[in-house]
Amino acid sequence: MTAAPRIELAHEVLAPLFSEPRPEELVSVVDAMAPADASDLSRASLQRRFDRKYLLRAESAAALLALVAEDYRVVLAGSARFALYDTVYFDSPDLRCYHDHRRRRKPRFKVRVRHYVDRGFSMLEVKQKTQRGDTTKHRFEREGTELAMTDAEQEQVRSIAPGLFHNGPLVPQARTVFSRVMIIGKRSVERATLDFDLVLECGERRRPVPFIVVEVKDTGHGATSPLVLALRAAHAKQSSFSKYSVAVASLGGQRTTTLRPLVTLVHRGLR
């Protein structure tokens, strides 16, 4: 079996980007939210779901969460409420996953190895956007914390998405690091994530993202979700923001009309 190359973990190479303390108001709101329990996690597992993404100014996060705090519980990462995620995205040498996304093809796939830094484990994850528009996620437990795929893991992905391998094995193409707060609806089958301090990396280039990415995941009937209503009231921008695709488009030298508005937002921030 081919030896996997070492990829240093986020806390070893990106620690300076996370040295700024979080705003006290945000920490207070998140700390005051009730923690989710096992029944919440089971009810909102949503391995097959519909996703909606919103882009929000960082300074609006505390007020947004305060508005909906009574409707959601926060998922703990061990004992922490802010979890650090370190993710390497894999694609074919000719960027099949990236081009399928920018062309909005369905079905399409996203392949990543995600390290849950606070909890000390990694998962191989394959996401599929189906013809009907929902998302199916396949997750495989991994041994150790290496962020490179083994030959056996390449075969696991091939069994799900053989079309990605027409040009050889998948290779690392981009990386993201961010802090996440995850919340679960108390009275709805709904899960949402708020990603802070997002850093995109492609090759030797890195760029911090100057806004929060909020993703609401449900069964497709969440139009009256308290969080969605609060996001609309806060004038959050609904978007098909893909961390991987935006990283490749903004840092990997790929020019695309489809993703240009999102690349501009990453460079200039929300107006």
Protein backbone atom coordinates (compact mmCIF):
# COMPACT_ATOMS: atom_id res chain seq x y z
CA MET A 1 0.00 0.00 0.00
CA THR A 2 1.29 3.46 -0.84
CA ALA A 3 2.37 5.45 2.20
CA ALA A 4 0.14 8.45 2.82
CA PRO A 5 1.95 11.80 2.85
CA ARG A 6 1.88 13.69 6.13
CA ILE A 7 -0.38 16.72 6.29
CA GLU A 8 0.15 18.80 9.42
CA LEU A 9 -2.92 19.39 11.55
CA ALA A 10 -4.56 22.77 11.86
CA HIS A 11 -3.46 23.54 15.39
CA GLU A 12 0.19 22.96 14.32
CA VAL A 13 0.24 25.32 11.35
CA LEU A 14 -2.70 27.72 11.66
CA ALA A 15 -2.70 28.51 15.39
CA PRO A 16 -1.89 32.24 14.88
CA LEU A 17 -5.15 32.65 12.94
CA PHE A 18 -7.15 31.52 15.99
CA SER A 19 -5.34 33.62 18.62
CA GLU A 20 -7.96 36.40 18.73
CA PRO A 21 -10.47 35.90 21.56
CA ARG A 22 -14.11 35.48 20.57
CA PRO A 23 -16.47 38.36 21.40
CA GLU A 24 -17.74 38.06 24.97
CA GLU A 25 -21.35 38.60 23.88
CA LEU A 26 -21.19 35.67 21.47
CA VAL A 27 -19.58 33.37 24.03
CA SER A 28 -22.19 34.34 26.64
CA VAL A 29 -25.10 33.56 24.32
CA VAL A 30 -23.70 30.18 23.28
CA ASP A 31 -22.78 29.26 26.87
CA ALA A 32 -26.33 30.03 28.00
CA MET A 33 -27.94 27.66 25.48
CA ALA A 34 -29.07 24.26 26.78
CA PRO A 35 -26.89 21.34 25.60
CA ALA A 36 -28.33 18.74 23.21
CA ASP A 37 -28.76 15.19 24.49
CA ALA A 38 -28.56 11.80 22.77
CA SER A 39 -32.21 11.87 21.73
CA ASP A 40 -31.72 15.25 20.03
CA LEU A 41 -28.72 13.94 18.11
CA SER A 42 -30.59 10.81 17.00
CA ARG A 43 -33.68 12.77 15.91
CA ALA A 44 -31.64 15.24 13.85
CA SER A 45 -29.03 12.89 12.35
CA LEU A 46 -30.30 13.77 8.83
CA GLN A 47 -27.87 11.74 6.74
CA ARG A 48 -30.32 12.46 3.90
CA ARG A 49 -31.50 16.06 3.97
CA PHE A 50 -32.01 19.38 2.24
CA ASP A 51 -29.43 22.12 2.88
CA ARG A 52 -29.70 25.89 2.77
CA LYS A 53 -26.74 28.19 3.31
CA TYR A 54 -26.59 31.81 4.41
CA LEU A 55 -23.74 34.28 4.74
CA LEU A 56 -23.84 36.51 7.80
CA ARG A 57 -21.68 39.34 9.12
CA ALA A 58 -19.63 38.14 12.08
CA GLU A 59 -20.84 40.98 14.30
CA SER A 60 -24.46 39.83 13.84
CA ALA A 61 -23.93 36.29 15.19
CA ALA A 62 -24.56 36.98 18.88
CA ALA A 63 -27.81 38.86 18.25
CA LEU A 64 -29.02 36.15 15.86
CA LEU A 65 -28.39 33.33 18.34
CA ALA A 66 -29.95 35.31 21.18
CA LEU A 67 -33.18 35.60 19.16
CA VAL A 68 -33.48 31.83 18.67
CA ALA A 69 -31.80 30.51 21.84
CA GLU A 70 -35.09 29.22 23.30
CA ASP A 71 -35.82 27.19 20.16
CA TYR A 72 -32.51 25.30 19.89
CA ARG A 73 -29.99 23.29 21.90
CA VAL A 74 -26.25 23.42 21.31
CA VAL A 75 -24.26 20.29 20.46
CA LEU A 76 -21.16 19.82 22.61
CA ALA A 77 -17.81 18.77 21.14
CA GLY A 78 -16.57 16.92 24.20
CA SER A 79 -17.13 19.67 26.75
CA ALA A 80 -16.67 22.55 24.30
CA ARG A 81 -19.37 24.53 22.48
CA PHE A 82 -17.04 25.80 19.73
CA ALA A 83 -15.47 22.90 17.82
CA LEU A 84 -12.41 23.13 15.56
CA TYR A 85 -12.65 21.34 12.20
CA ASP A 86 -9.72 20.66 9.88
CA THR A 87 -10.71 19.34 6.45
CA VAL A 88 -8.80 18.25 3.34
CA TYR A 89 -10.83 17.98 0.12
CA PHE A 90 -9.95 15.38 -2.49
CA ASP A 91 -10.78 15.57 -6.19
CA SER A 92 -9.66 14.05 -9.47
CA PRO A 93 -6.52 15.56 -11.05
CA ASP A 94 -8.77 17.41 -13.50
CA LEU A 95 -11.07 18.72 -10.71
CA ARG A 96 -14.21 16.79 -11.63
CA CYS A 97 -16.00 17.56 -8.33
CA TYR A 98 -15.19 21.26 -8.62
CA HIS A 99 -16.36 21.57 -12.22
CA ASP A 100 -19.55 19.61 -11.54
CA HIS A 101 -20.37 22.04 -8.73
CA ARG A 102 -19.73 25.21 -10.71
CA ARG A 103 -21.82 23.79 -13.57
CA ARG A 104 -24.54 22.74 -11.09
CA ARG A 105 -24.56 19.18 -12.38
CA LYS A 106 -26.51 16.49 -10.56
CA PRO A 107 -25.67 14.06 -9.23
CA ARG A 108 -22.36 15.44 -7.99
CA PHE A 109 -19.97 14.54 -5.20
CA LYS A 110 -17.70 16.06 -2.60
CA VAL A 111 -14.97 13.95 -0.98
CA ARG A 112 -13.17 14.99 2.18
CA VAL A 113 -11.21 13.79 5.17
CA ARG A 114 -12.32 15.74 8.20
CA HIS A 115 -10.42 15.87 11.48
CA TYR A 116 -12.46 16.78 14.54
CA VAL A 117 -9.57 18.39 16.38
CA ASP A 118 -11.15 18.76 19.83
CA ARG A 119 -12.32 15.15 19.89
CA GLY A 120 -9.20 13.67 18.32
CA PHE A 121 -10.70 11.57 15.51
CA SER A 122 -11.13 11.70 11.74
CA MET A 123 -13.81 10.65 9.26
CA LEU A 124 -13.79 10.02 5.54
CA GLU A 125 -16.93 11.68 4.18
CA VAL A 126 -18.54 11.49 0.75
CA LYS A 127 -21.43 13.89 0.06
CA GLN A 128 -23.73 13.40 -2.90
CA LYS A 129 -26.13 16.00 -4.26
CA THR A 130 -28.87 13.91 -5.87
CA GLN A 131 -31.03 14.59 -8.92
CA ARG A 132 -33.92 15.67 -6.66
CA GLY A 133 -31.73 18.23 -4.91
CA ASP A 134 -31.28 16.61 -1.51
CA THR A 135 -27.95 15.62 0.02
CA THR A 136 -26.83 12.14 1.06
CA LYS A 137 -23.73 11.73 3.21
CA HIS A 138 -21.61 8.59 3.59
CA ARG A 139 -19.23 8.57 6.57
CA PHE A 140 -16.45 6.10 7.35
CA GLU A 141 -14.53 5.94 10.61
CA ARG A 142 -10.76 6.19 10.29
CA GLU A 143 -7.79 5.11 12.36
CA GLY A 144 -5.44 7.85 13.51
CA THR A 145 -5.52 11.51 12.50
CA GLU A 146 -3.72 11.54 9.15
CA LEU A 147 -5.50 13.81 6.70
CA ALA A 148 -4.40 11.86 3.60
CA MET A 149 -6.48 9.01 2.14
CA THR A 150 -5.16 5.45 2.12
CA ASP A 151 -5.53 3.10 -0.86
CA ALA A 152 -8.36 1.29 0.96
CA GLU A 153 -10.19 4.59 1.43
CA GLN A 154 -9.78 5.39 -2.26
CA GLU A 155 -11.58 2.12 -2.95
CA GLN A 156 -14.37 3.04 -0.51
CA VAL A 157 -14.95 6.25 -2.45
CA ARG A 158 -14.74 4.41 -5.78
CA SER A 159 -17.58 2.11 -4.68
CA ILE A 160 -19.83 5.18 -4.26
CA ALA A 161 -18.58 7.45 -7.06
CA PRO A 162 -16.69 5.41 -9.68
CA GLY A 163 -16.97 8.23 -12.23
CA LEU A 164 -14.49 10.34 -10.25
CA PHE A 165 -11.65 7.89 -10.97
CA HIS A 166 -11.48 8.08 -14.77
CA ASN A 167 -8.17 9.95 -14.49
CA GLY A 168 -6.56 8.03 -11.62
CA PRO A 169 -6.76 8.23 -7.81
CA LEU A 170 -8.16 11.30 -6.06
CA VAL A 171 -5.61 13.82 -4.80
CA PRO A 172 -5.72 16.61 -2.16
CA GLN A 173 -6.86 19.85 -3.79
CA ALA A 174 -7.86 22.23 -0.99
CA ARG A 175 -8.17 22.58 2.76
CA THR A 176 -10.38 24.48 5.18
CA VAL A 177 -10.15 25.19 8.89
CA PHE A 178 -12.91 26.75 10.97
CA SER A 179 -14.64 26.87 14.34
CA ARG A 180 -18.21 25.57 14.43
CA VAL A 181 -21.24 25.94 16.65
CA MET A 182 -23.90 23.30 15.95
CA ILE A 183 -27.49 23.67 17.14
CA ILE A 184 -30.51 21.37 16.98
CA GLY A 185 -34.17 22.41 16.96
CA LYS A 186 -36.06 21.54 20.14
CA ARG A 187 -39.36 21.00 18.34
CA SER A 188 -38.29 20.35 14.76
CA VAL A 189 -36.18 17.86 12.80
CA GLU A 190 -33.58 20.49 12.04
CA ARG A 191 -29.87 20.94 12.53
CA ALA A 192 -27.83 24.05 11.81
CA THR A 193 -24.18 24.96 11.86
CA LEU A 194 -22.50 28.34 12.19
CA ASP A 195 -18.91 28.36 10.92
CA PHE A 196 -16.62 31.08 12.30
CA ASP A 197 -12.99 32.01 11.58
CA LEU A 198 -13.04 30.14 8.27
CA VAL A 199 -9.67 29.88 6.52
CA LEU A 200 -9.36 28.60 2.94
CA GLU A 201 -6.14 27.00 1.74
CA CYS A 202 -5.11 25.85 -1.73
CA GLY A 203 -1.49 24.90 -2.29
CA GLU A 204 0.66 27.49 -0.52
CA ARG A 205 -2.04 30.17 -0.52
CA ARG A 206 -4.39 30.92 2.38
CA ARG A 207 -7.19 33.40 2.89
CA PRO A 208 -9.41 34.08 5.91
CA VAL A 209 -13.10 34.52 5.09
CA PRO A 210 -14.59 37.73 6.55
CA PHE A 211 -18.07 36.40 7.36
CA ILE A 212 -19.90 33.47 8.96
CA VAL A 213 -21.30 30.59 6.92
CA VAL A 214 -24.62 29.33 8.32
CA GLU A 215 -26.08 26.06 7.04
CA VAL A 216 -29.59 24.88 7.89
CA LYS A 217 -30.23 21.16 7.36
CA ASP A 218 -33.71 19.67 7.49
CA THR A 219 -36.15 17.38 5.71
CA GLY A 220 -37.18 20.08 3.25
CA HIS A 221 -40.06 21.54 5.24
CA GLY A 222 -38.24 24.23 7.20
CA ALA A 223 -39.66 27.40 5.67
CA THR A 224 -40.94 28.49 9.10
CA SER A 225 -37.77 27.51 10.96
CA PRO A 226 -37.08 30.10 13.71
CA LEU A 227 -33.47 30.29 12.57
CA VAL A 228 -34.36 30.80 8.90
CA LEU A 229 -36.83 33.53 9.85
CA ALA A 230 -34.18 35.22 12.01
CA LEU A 231 -31.61 34.99 9.21
CA ARG A 232 -34.02 36.63 6.78
CA ALA A 233 -34.75 39.38 9.30
CA ALA A 234 -31.00 39.95 9.70
CA HIS A 235 -30.68 40.29 5.89
CA ALA A 236 -28.32 37.31 5.69
CA LYS A 237 -27.44 36.45 2.12
CA GLN A 238 -28.76 33.05 0.98
CA SER A 239 -26.09 31.40 -1.13
CA SER A 240 -24.84 28.10 -2.55
CA PHE A 241 -21.47 28.79 -0.88
CA SER A 242 -19.21 25.71 -1.16
CA LYS A 243 -16.04 26.01 0.91
CA TYR A 244 -14.17 23.66 -1.41
CA SER A 245 -15.26 25.26 -4.68
CA VAL A 246 -14.65 28.81 -3.44
CA ALA A 247 -11.18 27.81 -2.19
CA VAL A 248 -10.26 26.39 -5.60
CA ALA A 249 -11.79 29.31 -7.49
CA SER A 250 -10.21 32.04 -5.34
CA LEU A 251 -6.81 30.49 -4.59
CA GLY A 252 -6.27 27.70 -7.13
CA GLY A 253 -6.10 29.75 -10.30
CA GLN A 254 -9.46 28.57 -11.66
CA ARG A 255 -11.38 31.34 -13.44
CA THR A 256 -15.15 30.93 -13.43
CA THR A 257 -18.04 33.28 -14.05
CA THR A 258 -20.37 31.18 -11.90
CA LEU A 259 -18.34 31.55 -8.69
CA ARG A 260 -17.00 35.06 -9.28
CA PRO A 261 -19.58 36.78 -7.00
CA LEU A 262 -18.64 34.48 -4.09
CA VAL A 263 -14.92 34.98 -4.72
CA THR A 264 -15.53 38.74 -4.61
CA LEU A 265 -17.33 38.38 -1.25
CA VAL A 266 -14.38 36.42 0.17
CA HIS A 267 -12.01 39.21 -0.87
CA ARG A 268 -14.17 42.21 0.03
CA GLY A 269 -16.64 40.98 2.65
CA LEU A 270 -20.40 41.43 2.86
CA ARG A 271 -21.81 44.89 2.12
